Amino acid sequence: MERSTMRGTRLLVLASVLTLAPQFAVAERVDENPGGFKMMADLLVARPLGLVVVGVSTAAYVVSLPVSMMGGNAEEAGRKMVVEPAREVFVRCLGCSRPGRKEKIRD
């Protein structure tokens, strides 16, 4: 393989792992009353990493858009690759594990 092809493949694998990792972590955690340490970790580690994931997955979506449109699943791909990662970063209370505003996720 050429060097640029290998770099692109590695970037795609990294984006996939970073996109899927928060989904597995959310399935395990249920505490929605985070403490200060959890909030700081979310602010300093998870949110910046989430921004990177949103950028990489959005770029992957744009690259895959012609194929997705031919396959008829461009909307689903956009939801999974752009909307859901963005919701994890921007529409989640600080330190919470589930997306959504805190008053809406209380059950």
C-alpha atoms as a PDB file:
ATOM      1  CA  MET A   1       0.000   0.000   0.000  1.00  0.00           C
ATOM      2  CA  GLU A   2       1.046   3.524  -0.566  1.00  0.00           C
ATOM      3  CA  ARG A   3       1.888   5.650   2.418  1.00  0.00           C
ATOM      4  CA  SER A   4      -1.057   8.049   1.916  1.00  0.00           C
ATOM      5  CA  THR A   5      -3.509   5.134   1.621  1.00  0.00           C
ATOM      6  CA  MET A   6      -2.225   3.640   4.867  1.00  0.00           C
ATOM      7  CA  ARG A   7      -2.573   7.006   6.602  1.00  0.00           C
ATOM      8  CA  GLY A   8      -6.170   7.333   5.388  1.00  0.00           C
ATOM      9  CA  THR A   9      -6.972   3.802   6.555  1.00  0.00           C
ATOM     10  CA  ARG A  10      -5.500   4.477   9.990  1.00  0.00           C
ATOM     11  CA  LEU A  11      -7.478   7.710  10.268  1.00  0.00           C
ATOM     12  CA  LEU A  12     -10.691   5.926   9.340  1.00  0.00           C
ATOM     13  CA  VAL A  13     -10.077   3.167  11.917  1.00  0.00           C
ATOM     14  CA  LEU A  14      -9.284   5.770  14.580  1.00  0.00           C
ATOM     15  CA  ALA A  15     -12.454   7.710  13.782  1.00  0.00           C
ATOM     16  CA  SER A  16     -14.519   4.529  14.006  1.00  0.00           C
ATOM     17  CA  VAL A  17     -13.047   3.572  17.365  1.00  0.00           C
ATOM     18  CA  LEU A  18     -13.495   7.057  18.792  1.00  0.00           C
ATOM     19  CA  THR A  19     -17.076   7.185  17.544  1.00  0.00           C
ATOM     20  CA  LEU A  20     -18.033   3.830  19.019  1.00  0.00           C
ATOM     21  CA  ALA A  21     -16.187   4.121  22.342  1.00  0.00           C
ATOM     22  CA  PRO A  22     -18.566   6.674  23.946  1.00  0.00           C
ATOM     23  CA  GLN A  23     -21.564   4.511  23.014  1.00  0.00           C
ATOM     24  CA  PHE A  24     -20.144   1.519  24.897  1.00  0.00           C
ATOM     25  CA  ALA A  25     -19.264   3.679  27.889  1.00  0.00           C
ATOM     26  CA  VAL A  26     -22.768   5.176  28.033  1.00  0.00           C
ATOM     27  CA  ALA A  27     -24.310   1.705  28.199  1.00  0.00           C
ATOM     28  CA  GLU A  28     -22.395   0.941  31.413  1.00  0.00           C
ATOM     29  CA  ARG A  29     -22.878   4.156  33.414  1.00  0.00           C
ATOM     30  CA  VAL A  30     -26.190   5.141  34.982  1.00  0.00           C
ATOM     31  CA  ASP A  31     -25.251   7.810  37.565  1.00  0.00           C
ATOM     32  CA  GLU A  32     -26.704  11.165  36.517  1.00  0.00           C
ATOM     33  CA  ASN A  33     -25.648  13.112  39.615  1.00  0.00           C
ATOM     34  CA  PRO A  34     -21.969  13.614  38.818  1.00  0.00           C
ATOM     35  CA  GLY A  35     -19.494  15.004  41.296  1.00  0.00           C
ATOM     36  CA  GLY A  36     -16.960  17.740  40.730  1.00  0.00           C
ATOM     37  CA  PHE A  37     -14.181  15.374  39.653  1.00  0.00           C
ATOM     38  CA  LYS A  38     -16.392  13.751  37.028  1.00  0.00           C
ATOM     39  CA  MET A  39     -17.446  17.182  35.749  1.00  0.00           C
ATOM     40  CA  MET A  40     -13.834  18.354  35.477  1.00  0.00           C
ATOM     41  CA  ALA A  41     -12.818  15.150  33.666  1.00  0.00           C
ATOM     42  CA  ASP A  42     -15.713  15.637  31.265  1.00  0.00           C
ATOM     43  CA  LEU A  43     -14.784  19.264  30.651  1.00  0.00           C
ATOM     44  CA  LEU A  44     -11.045  18.737  30.227  1.00  0.00           C
ATOM     45  CA  VAL A  45     -10.905  15.303  28.559  1.00  0.00           C
ATOM     46  CA  ALA A  46     -14.206  14.042  27.170  1.00  0.00           C
ATOM     47  CA  ARG A  47     -15.498  17.221  25.535  1.00  0.00           C
ATOM     48  CA  PRO A  48     -12.274  18.080  23.658  1.00  0.00           C
ATOM     49  CA  LEU A  49     -11.960  14.452  22.549  1.00  0.00           C
ATOM     50  CA  GLY A  50     -15.610  14.574  21.512  1.00  0.00           C
ATOM     51  CA  LEU A  51     -14.944  17.650  19.392  1.00  0.00           C
ATOM     52  CA  VAL A  52     -12.208  15.750  17.586  1.00  0.00           C
ATOM     53  CA  VAL A  53     -14.593  12.836  17.029  1.00  0.00           C
ATOM     54  CA  VAL A  54     -17.267  15.187  15.662  1.00  0.00           C
ATOM     55  CA  GLY A  55     -14.773  16.725  13.237  1.00  0.00           C
ATOM     56  CA  VAL A  56     -13.398  13.401  12.016  1.00  0.00           C
ATOM     57  CA  SER A  57     -16.809  11.742  11.725  1.00  0.00           C
ATOM     58  CA  THR A  58     -18.221  14.775   9.878  1.00  0.00           C
ATOM     59  CA  ALA A  59     -15.335  14.636   7.414  1.00  0.00           C
ATOM     60  CA  ALA A  60     -15.909  10.891   6.967  1.00  0.00           C
ATOM     61  CA  TYR A  61     -19.604  11.549   6.365  1.00  0.00           C
ATOM     62  CA  VAL A  62     -18.850  14.146   3.689  1.00  0.00           C
ATOM     63  CA  VAL A  63     -16.440  11.756   1.972  1.00  0.00           C
ATOM     64  CA  SER A  64     -18.966   8.901   2.131  1.00  0.00           C
ATOM     65  CA  LEU A  65     -21.926  11.049   1.070  1.00  0.00           C
ATOM     66  CA  PRO A  66     -21.921  10.108  -2.636  1.00  0.00           C
ATOM     67  CA  VAL A  67     -21.943   6.409  -1.768  1.00  0.00           C
ATOM     68  CA  SER A  68     -24.573   6.918   0.932  1.00  0.00           C
ATOM     69  CA  MET A  69     -26.799   8.811  -1.477  1.00  0.00           C
ATOM     70  CA  MET A  70     -26.533   6.041  -4.055  1.00  0.00           C
ATOM     71  CA  GLY A  71     -27.359   3.498  -1.350  1.00  0.00           C
ATOM     72  CA  GLY A  72     -30.291   5.538  -0.088  1.00  0.00           C
ATOM     73  CA  ASN A  73     -29.096   5.884   3.501  1.00  0.00           C
ATOM     74  CA  ALA A  74     -27.575   9.373   3.545  1.00  0.00           C
ATOM     75  CA  GLU A  75     -29.977  10.536   6.251  1.00  0.00           C
ATOM     76  CA  GLU A  76     -29.233   7.569   8.519  1.00  0.00           C
ATOM     77  CA  ALA A  77     -25.490   7.959   7.939  1.00  0.00           C
ATOM     78  CA  GLY A  78     -25.728  11.660   8.811  1.00  0.00           C
ATOM     79  CA  ARG A  79     -27.613  10.893  11.995  1.00  0.00           C
ATOM     80  CA  LYS A  80     -25.124   8.230  13.129  1.00  0.00           C
ATOM     81  CA  MET A  81     -21.938   9.971  11.987  1.00  0.00           C
ATOM     82  CA  VAL A  82     -22.716  13.641  12.679  1.00  0.00           C
ATOM     83  CA  VAL A  83     -25.822  14.228  14.797  1.00  0.00           C
ATOM     84  CA  GLU A  84     -25.284  11.597  17.509  1.00  0.00           C
ATOM     85  CA  PRO A  85     -21.612  12.467  18.174  1.00  0.00           C
ATOM     86  CA  ALA A  86     -22.505  16.186  18.195  1.00  0.00           C
ATOM     87  CA  ARG A  87     -25.334  15.517  20.656  1.00  0.00           C
ATOM     88  CA  GLU A  88     -22.847  13.769  22.957  1.00  0.00           C
ATOM     89  CA  VAL A  89     -20.615  16.852  22.941  1.00  0.00           C
ATOM     90  CA  PHE A  90     -23.078  19.738  22.899  1.00  0.00           C
ATOM     91  CA  VAL A  91     -26.380  18.489  24.369  1.00  0.00           C
ATOM     92  CA  ARG A  92     -25.316  16.645  27.501  1.00  0.00           C
ATOM     93  CA  CYS A  93     -25.076  18.000  31.001  1.00  0.00           C
ATOM     94  CA  LEU A  94     -21.529  18.305  32.311  1.00  0.00           C
ATOM     95  CA  GLY A  95     -20.450  14.975  33.771  1.00  0.00           C
ATOM     96  CA  CYS A  96     -23.614  13.121  32.756  1.00  0.00           C
ATOM     97  CA  SER A  97     -23.392   9.948  30.726  1.00  0.00           C
ATOM     98  CA  ARG A  98     -26.612  10.145  28.716  1.00  0.00           C
ATOM     99  CA  PRO A  99     -27.247  12.831  26.118  1.00  0.00           C
ATOM    100  CA  GLY A 100     -29.948  15.374  26.797  1.00  0.00           C
ATOM    101  CA  ARG A 101     -30.585  18.197  29.193  1.00  0.00           C
ATOM    102  CA  LYS A 102     -30.433  17.132  32.831  1.00  0.00           C
ATOM    103  CA  GLU A 103     -34.064  17.976  33.621  1.00  0.00           C
ATOM    104  CA  LYS A 104     -35.203  15.799  30.692  1.00  0.00           C
ATOM    105  CA  ILE A 105     -33.130  12.722  31.565  1.00  0.00           C
ATOM    106  CA  ARG A 106     -34.392  12.405  35.139  1.00  0.00           C
ATOM    107  CA  ASP A 107     -36.769   9.484  35.292  1.00  0.00           C
END
